[in-house]
Amino acid sequence: MIRVDANVILRYLLGDHPEHSEQAAEIIDRFSVFVSGEVLCEVVYVLSGVYSVDRAVI
């Protein structure tokens, strides 16, 4: 199992950086990953605060 941080999850969800998003997708698709509660909180914080994604969508 691979532990991933918020950056990997964000690149995977947003697809906003072609090279990094592709690498994130490969990691998530190929391996069993562990995402801590703290990482999930950071992802929600960044999506809602930086990218203005509605929490209902998140």
PDB file of N, CA and C in Angstrom:
ATOM      1  N   MET A   1       0.848  -1.171   0.000  1.00  0.00           N
ATOM      2  CA  MET A   1       0.000   0.000   0.000  1.00  0.00           C
ATOM      3  C   MET A   1       0.895   1.236   0.000  1.00  0.00           C
ATOM      4  N   ILE A   2       0.489   2.219  -0.793  1.00  0.00           N
ATOM      5  CA  ILE A   2       1.257   3.457  -0.919  1.00  0.00           C
ATOM      6  C   ILE A   2       0.484   4.587  -0.252  1.00  0.00           C
ATOM      7  N   ARG A   3       1.181   5.341   0.562  1.00  0.00           N
ATOM      8  CA  ARG A   3       0.576   6.505   1.211  1.00  0.00           C
ATOM      9  C   ARG A   3       0.737   7.695   0.271  1.00  0.00           C
ATOM     10  N   VAL A   4      -0.360   8.393  -0.020  1.00  0.00           N
ATOM     11  CA  VAL A   4      -0.287   9.550  -0.913  1.00  0.00           C
ATOM     12  C   VAL A   4      -0.643  10.819  -0.149  1.00  0.00           C
ATOM     13  N   ASP A   5      -0.106  11.934  -0.626  1.00  0.00           N
ATOM     14  CA  ASP A   5      -0.407  13.210   0.010  1.00  0.00           C
ATOM     15  C   ASP A   5      -1.458  13.972  -0.793  1.00  0.00           C
ATOM     16  N   ALA A   6      -1.800  15.141  -0.311  1.00  0.00           N
ATOM     17  CA  ALA A   6      -2.864  15.935  -0.927  1.00  0.00           C
ATOM     18  C   ALA A   6      -2.545  16.302  -2.374  1.00  0.00           C
ATOM     19  N   ASN A   7      -1.293  16.544  -2.681  1.00  0.00           N
ATOM     20  CA  ASN A   7      -0.929  16.934  -4.043  1.00  0.00           C
ATOM     21  C   ASN A   7      -1.279  15.852  -5.056  1.00  0.00           C
ATOM     22  N   VAL A   8      -1.065  14.609  -4.707  1.00  0.00           N
ATOM     23  CA  VAL A   8      -1.392  13.507  -5.618  1.00  0.00           C
ATOM     24  C   VAL A   8      -2.899  13.457  -5.848  1.00  0.00           C
ATOM     25  N   ILE A   9      -3.673  13.555  -4.780  1.00  0.00           N
ATOM     26  CA  ILE A   9      -5.131  13.526  -4.895  1.00  0.00           C
ATOM     27  C   ILE A   9      -5.629  14.721  -5.707  1.00  0.00           C
ATOM     28  N   LEU A  10      -5.094  15.901  -5.433  1.00  0.00           N
ATOM     29  CA  LEU A  10      -5.528  17.104  -6.154  1.00  0.00           C
ATOM     30  C   LEU A  10      -5.198  17.025  -7.641  1.00  0.00           C
ATOM     31  N   ARG A  11      -3.998  16.572  -7.990  1.00  0.00           N
ATOM     32  CA  ARG A  11      -3.651  16.450  -9.414  1.00  0.00           C
ATOM     33  C   ARG A  11      -4.576  15.452 -10.091  1.00  0.00           C
ATOM     34  N   TYR A  12      -4.883  14.356  -9.402  1.00  0.00           N
ATOM     35  CA  TYR A  12      -5.776  13.327  -9.940  1.00  0.00           C
ATOM     36  C   TYR A  12      -7.174  13.899 -10.171  1.00  0.00           C
ATOM     37  N   LEU A  13      -7.705  14.617  -9.209  1.00  0.00           N
ATOM     38  CA  LEU A  13      -9.064  15.146  -9.314  1.00  0.00           C
ATOM     39  C   LEU A  13      -9.178  16.308 -10.291  1.00  0.00           C
ATOM     40  N   LEU A  14      -8.178  17.188 -10.286  1.00  0.00           N
ATOM     41  CA  LEU A  14      -8.268  18.408 -11.081  1.00  0.00           C
ATOM     42  C   LEU A  14      -7.752  18.243 -12.511  1.00  0.00           C
ATOM     43  N   GLY A  15      -6.773  17.384 -12.702  1.00  0.00           N
ATOM     44  CA  GLY A  15      -6.206  17.203 -14.038  1.00  0.00           C
ATOM     45  C   GLY A  15      -5.624  18.479 -14.613  1.00  0.00           C
ATOM     46  N   ASP A  16      -5.143  19.357 -13.739  1.00  0.00           N
ATOM     47  CA  ASP A  16      -4.706  20.685 -14.175  1.00  0.00           C
ATOM     48  C   ASP A  16      -3.226  20.783 -14.540  1.00  0.00           C
ATOM     49  N   HIS A  17      -2.499  19.728 -14.380  1.00  0.00           N
ATOM     50  CA  HIS A  17      -1.080  19.707 -14.763  1.00  0.00           C
ATOM     51  C   HIS A  17      -0.854  18.394 -15.505  1.00  0.00           C
ATOM     52  N   PRO A  18      -0.774  18.449 -16.833  1.00  0.00           N
ATOM     53  CA  PRO A  18      -0.764  17.213 -17.635  1.00  0.00           C
ATOM     54  C   PRO A  18       0.189  16.126 -17.148  1.00  0.00           C
ATOM     55  N   GLU A  19       1.438  16.463 -16.937  1.00  0.00           N
ATOM     56  CA  GLU A  19       2.416  15.435 -16.553  1.00  0.00           C
ATOM     57  C   GLU A  19       2.130  14.897 -15.147  1.00  0.00           C
ATOM     58  N   HIS A  20       1.924  15.799 -14.196  1.00  0.00           N
ATOM     59  CA  HIS A  20       1.690  15.370 -12.816  1.00  0.00           C
ATOM     60  C   HIS A  20       0.349  14.663 -12.663  1.00  0.00           C
ATOM     61  N   SER A  21      -0.656  15.129 -13.386  1.00  0.00           N
ATOM     62  CA  SER A  21      -1.975  14.493 -13.312  1.00  0.00           C
ATOM     63  C   SER A  21      -1.925  13.075 -13.863  1.00  0.00           C
ATOM     64  N   GLU A  22      -1.177  12.886 -14.926  1.00  0.00           N
ATOM     65  CA  GLU A  22      -1.022  11.547 -15.508  1.00  0.00           C
ATOM     66  C   GLU A  22      -0.300  10.615 -14.536  1.00  0.00           C
ATOM     67  N   GLN A  23       0.745  11.126 -13.896  1.00  0.00           N
ATOM     68  CA  GLN A  23       1.481  10.316 -12.924  1.00  0.00           C
ATOM     69  C   GLN A  23       0.609   9.978 -11.713  1.00  0.00           C
ATOM     70  N   ALA A  24      -0.183  10.944 -11.258  1.00  0.00           N
ATOM     71  CA  ALA A  24      -1.081  10.701 -10.124  1.00  0.00           C
ATOM     72  C   ALA A  24      -2.111   9.636 -10.480  1.00  0.00           C
ATOM     73  N   ALA A  25      -2.666   9.718 -11.677  1.00  0.00           N
ATOM     74  CA  ALA A  25      -3.653   8.727 -12.118  1.00  0.00           C
ATOM     75  C   ALA A  25      -3.028   7.340 -12.193  1.00  0.00           C
ATOM     76  N   GLU A  26      -1.803   7.268 -12.666  1.00  0.00           N
ATOM     77  CA  GLU A  26      -1.124   5.972 -12.760  1.00  0.00           C
ATOM     78  C   GLU A  26      -0.926   5.358 -11.371  1.00  0.00           C
ATOM     79  N   ILE A  27      -0.522   6.176 -10.420  1.00  0.00           N
ATOM     80  CA  ILE A  27      -0.328   5.682  -9.051  1.00  0.00           C
ATOM     81  C   ILE A  27      -1.646   5.190  -8.471  1.00  0.00           C
ATOM     82  N   ILE A  28      -2.685   6.007  -8.592  1.00  0.00           N
ATOM     83  CA  ILE A  28      -3.978   5.664  -7.993  1.00  0.00           C
ATOM     84  C   ILE A  28      -4.613   4.471  -8.690  1.00  0.00           C
ATOM     85  N   ASP A  29      -4.448   4.375  -9.998  1.00  0.00           N
ATOM     86  CA  ASP A  29      -5.050   3.273 -10.754  1.00  0.00           C
ATOM     87  C   ASP A  29      -4.305   1.949 -10.573  1.00  0.00           C
ATOM     88  N   ARG A  30      -2.998   2.004 -10.360  1.00  0.00           N
ATOM     89  CA  ARG A  30      -2.197   0.776 -10.310  1.00  0.00           C
ATOM     90  C   ARG A  30      -2.015   0.198  -8.917  1.00  0.00           C
ATOM     91  N   PHE A  31      -2.066   1.039  -7.915  1.00  0.00           N
ATOM     92  CA  PHE A  31      -1.723   0.603  -6.570  1.00  0.00           C
ATOM     93  C   PHE A  31      -2.878   0.807  -5.598  1.00  0.00           C
ATOM     94  N   SER A  32      -2.804   0.065  -4.524  1.00  0.00           N
ATOM     95  CA  SER A  32      -3.694   0.309  -3.400  1.00  0.00           C
ATOM     96  C   SER A  32      -3.089   1.483  -2.634  1.00  0.00           C
ATOM     97  N   VAL A  33      -3.871   2.541  -2.408  1.00  0.00           N
ATOM     98  CA  VAL A  33      -3.326   3.732  -1.764  1.00  0.00           C
ATOM     99  C   VAL A  33      -4.005   3.986  -0.422  1.00  0.00           C
ATOM    100  N   PHE A  34      -3.256   4.609   0.464  1.00  0.00           N
ATOM    101  CA  PHE A  34      -3.766   5.026   1.763  1.00  0.00           C
ATOM    102  C   PHE A  34      -3.799   6.541   1.784  1.00  0.00           C
ATOM    103  N   VAL A  35      -4.953   7.095   2.187  1.00  0.00           N
ATOM    104  CA  VAL A  35      -5.110   8.540   2.326  1.00  0.00           C
ATOM    105  C   VAL A  35      -5.533   8.804   3.770  1.00  0.00           C
ATOM    106  N   SER A  36      -4.720   9.547   4.491  1.00  0.00           N
ATOM    107  CA  SER A  36      -5.035   9.820   5.898  1.00  0.00           C
ATOM    108  C   SER A  36      -6.168  10.838   6.004  1.00  0.00           C
ATOM    109  N   GLY A  37      -6.753  10.906   7.167  1.00  0.00           N
ATOM    110  CA  GLY A  37      -7.796  11.897   7.425  1.00  0.00           C
ATOM    111  C   GLY A  37      -7.283  13.314   7.257  1.00  0.00           C
ATOM    112  N   GLU A  38      -6.048  13.543   7.674  1.00  0.00           N
ATOM    113  CA  GLU A  38      -5.450  14.868   7.536  1.00  0.00           C
ATOM    114  C   GLU A  38      -5.316  15.260   6.073  1.00  0.00           C
ATOM    115  N   VAL A  39      -4.946  14.303   5.242  1.00  0.00           N
ATOM    116  CA  VAL A  39      -4.816  14.572   3.805  1.00  0.00           C
ATOM    117  C   VAL A  39      -6.186  14.886   3.211  1.00  0.00           C
ATOM    118  N   LEU A  40      -7.208  14.136   3.594  1.00  0.00           N
ATOM    119  CA  LEU A  40      -8.558  14.419   3.098  1.00  0.00           C
ATOM    120  C   LEU A  40      -9.008  15.819   3.496  1.00  0.00           C
ATOM    121  N   CYS A  41      -8.716  16.222   4.728  1.00  0.00           N
ATOM    122  CA  CYS A  41      -9.066  17.576   5.169  1.00  0.00           C
ATOM    123  C   CYS A  41      -8.343  18.626   4.340  1.00  0.00           C
ATOM    124  N   GLU A  42      -7.080  18.390   4.056  1.00  0.00           N
ATOM    125  CA  GLU A  42      -6.310  19.336   3.241  1.00  0.00           C
ATOM    126  C   GLU A  42      -6.870  19.423   1.824  1.00  0.00           C
ATOM    127  N   VAL A  43      -7.264  18.298   1.252  1.00  0.00           N
ATOM    128  CA  VAL A  43      -7.848  18.289  -0.095  1.00  0.00           C
ATOM    129  C   VAL A  43      -9.137  19.109  -0.105  1.00  0.00           C
ATOM    130  N   VAL A  44      -9.989  18.908   0.881  1.00  0.00           N
ATOM    131  CA  VAL A  44     -11.240  19.675   0.969  1.00  0.00           C
ATOM    132  C   VAL A  44     -10.933  21.158   1.126  1.00  0.00           C
ATOM    133  N   TYR A  45      -9.982  21.494   1.985  1.00  0.00           N
ATOM    134  CA  TYR A  45      -9.605  22.885   2.218  1.00  0.00           C
ATOM    135  C   TYR A  45      -9.116  23.548   0.926  1.00  0.00           C
ATOM    136  N   VAL A  46      -8.258  22.874   0.199  1.00  0.00           N
ATOM    137  CA  VAL A  46      -7.704  23.441  -1.038  1.00  0.00           C
ATOM    138  C   VAL A  46      -8.781  23.543  -2.116  1.00  0.00           C
ATOM    139  N   LEU A  47      -9.578  22.502  -2.280  1.00  0.00           N
ATOM    140  CA  LEU A  47     -10.625  22.545  -3.303  1.00  0.00           C
ATOM    141  C   LEU A  47     -11.621  23.665  -3.027  1.00  0.00           C
ATOM    142  N   SER A  48     -12.022  23.826  -1.772  1.00  0.00           N
ATOM    143  CA  SER A  48     -13.017  24.849  -1.455  1.00  0.00           C
ATOM    144  C   SER A  48     -12.409  26.242  -1.381  1.00  0.00           C
ATOM    145  N   GLY A  49     -11.225  26.368  -0.810  1.00  0.00           N
ATOM    146  CA  GLY A  49     -10.620  27.681  -0.615  1.00  0.00           C
ATOM    147  C   GLY A  49      -9.877  28.229  -1.811  1.00  0.00           C
ATOM    148  N   VAL A  50      -9.068  27.414  -2.434  1.00  0.00           N
ATOM    149  CA  VAL A  50      -8.232  27.873  -3.551  1.00  0.00           C
ATOM    150  C   VAL A  50      -8.974  27.777  -4.878  1.00  0.00           C
ATOM    151  N   TYR A  51      -9.682  26.664  -5.088  1.00  0.00           N
ATOM    152  CA  TYR A  51     -10.342  26.424  -6.366  1.00  0.00           C
ATOM    153  C   TYR A  51     -11.832  26.756  -6.350  1.00  0.00           C
ATOM    154  N   SER A  52     -12.349  27.225  -5.218  1.00  0.00           N
ATOM    155  CA  SER A  52     -13.751  27.635  -5.066  1.00  0.00           C
ATOM    156  C   SER A  52     -14.748  26.563  -5.488  1.00  0.00           C
ATOM    157  N   VAL A  53     -14.420  25.319  -5.204  1.00  0.00           N
ATOM    158  CA  VAL A  53     -15.342  24.219  -5.482  1.00  0.00           C
ATOM    159  C   VAL A  53     -16.348  24.171  -4.336  1.00  0.00           C
ATOM    160  N   ASP A  54     -17.628  24.126  -4.671  1.00  0.00           N
ATOM    161  CA  ASP A  54     -18.688  24.077  -3.665  1.00  0.00           C
ATOM    162  C   ASP A  54     -18.546  22.806  -2.833  1.00  0.00           C
ATOM    163  N   ARG A  55     -18.707  22.927  -1.537  1.00  0.00           N
ATOM    164  CA  ARG A  55     -18.563  21.763  -0.654  1.00  0.00           C
ATOM    165  C   ARG A  55     -19.555  20.663  -0.985  1.00  0.00           C
ATOM    166  N   ALA A  56     -20.716  21.012  -1.522  1.00  0.00           N
ATOM    167  CA  ALA A  56     -21.693  19.989  -1.927  1.00  0.00           C
ATOM    168  C   ALA A  56     -21.129  19.134  -3.058  1.00  0.00           C
ATOM    169  N   VAL A  57     -20.311  19.722  -3.905  1.00  0.00           N
ATOM    170  CA  VAL A  57     -19.672  18.994  -5.006  1.00  0.00           C
ATOM    171  C   VAL A  57     -18.542  18.124  -4.459  1.00  0.00           C
ATOM    172  N   ILE A  58     -17.810  18.658  -3.501  1.00  0.00           N
ATOM    173  CA  ILE A  58     -16.700  17.915  -2.901  1.00  0.00           C
ATOM    174  C   ILE A  58     -17.240  16.707  -2.185  1.00  0.00           C
TER     175      ILE A  58
END
